[in-house]
């Protein structure tokens, strides 16, 4: 895509690297003393899940 077809430039969010979501690795220990690993996926709070910042108004 060229700049002419996009209409405006989009700046990818540096926090989520342009994905719109954050992945947080978590470890918990259960009652049997086993370590359970999980990945929590949440919308990026900085770009509100859009993956980019809207262009600045002219």
Protein backbone atom coordinates (compact mmCIF):
# COMPACT_ATOMS: atom_id res chain seq x y z
CA UNK A 1 0.00 0.00 0.00
CA UNK A 2 1.18 3.49 -0.71
CA UNK A 3 0.64 6.63 1.34
CA UNK A 4 -1.90 7.80 -1.23
CA UNK A 5 -4.11 4.73 -0.75
CA UNK A 6 -3.93 4.78 3.03
CA UNK A 7 -5.17 8.34 3.36
CA UNK A 8 -3.17 9.02 6.52
CA UNK A 9 -0.14 7.65 8.27
CA UNK A 10 -0.66 5.44 11.28
CA UNK A 11 1.90 5.21 14.04
CA UNK A 12 2.08 1.71 15.60
CA UNK A 13 1.71 1.64 19.35
CA UNK A 14 5.13 1.10 20.97
CA UNK A 15 3.66 -0.70 24.00
CA UNK A 16 1.90 -3.50 22.09
CA UNK A 17 4.11 -3.31 18.95
CA UNK A 18 1.08 -2.75 16.72
CA UNK A 19 -0.93 -5.80 17.83
CA UNK A 20 -3.55 -4.01 19.97
CA UNK A 21 -3.12 -6.45 22.84
CA UNK A 22 -0.72 -7.09 25.70
CA UNK A 23 0.36 -10.59 26.68
CA UNK A 24 1.34 -11.05 30.31
CA UNK A 25 2.91 -14.34 31.40
CA UNK A 26 1.80 -15.48 34.84
CA UNK A 27 2.76 -18.32 37.15
CA UNK A 28 0.58 -19.59 39.99
CA UNK A 29 1.12 -22.38 42.50
CA UNK A 30 -1.92 -24.57 43.16
CA UNK A 31 -2.81 -26.52 46.32
CA UNK A 32 -0.71 -29.50 45.15
CA UNK A 33 2.33 -27.19 44.91
CA UNK A 34 2.35 -27.49 41.13
CA UNK A 35 3.28 -24.44 39.10
CA UNK A 36 0.62 -23.47 36.60
CA UNK A 37 1.68 -21.14 33.79
CA UNK A 38 -0.77 -19.06 31.82
CA UNK A 39 -0.75 -16.11 29.45
CA UNK A 40 -3.22 -13.33 30.09
CA UNK A 41 -4.23 -11.39 26.97
CA UNK A 42 -5.69 -7.91 27.43
CA UNK A 43 -6.39 -4.88 25.25
CA UNK A 44 -3.52 -2.42 25.25
CA UNK A 45 -4.51 0.51 27.50
CA UNK A 46 -2.30 3.01 25.64
CA UNK A 47 -3.90 2.58 22.19
CA UNK A 48 -7.20 1.15 23.53
CA UNK A 49 -6.79 -2.02 21.44
CA UNK A 50 -6.53 -0.17 18.11
CA UNK A 51 -2.84 -1.14 17.56
CA UNK A 52 -2.00 2.36 16.32
CA UNK A 53 -2.35 6.00 17.29
CA UNK A 54 -4.73 8.13 15.26
CA UNK A 55 -3.00 10.83 13.19
CA UNK A 56 -2.63 14.26 14.72
CA UNK A 57 -5.25 16.73 13.51
CA UNK A 58 -3.89 19.30 11.02
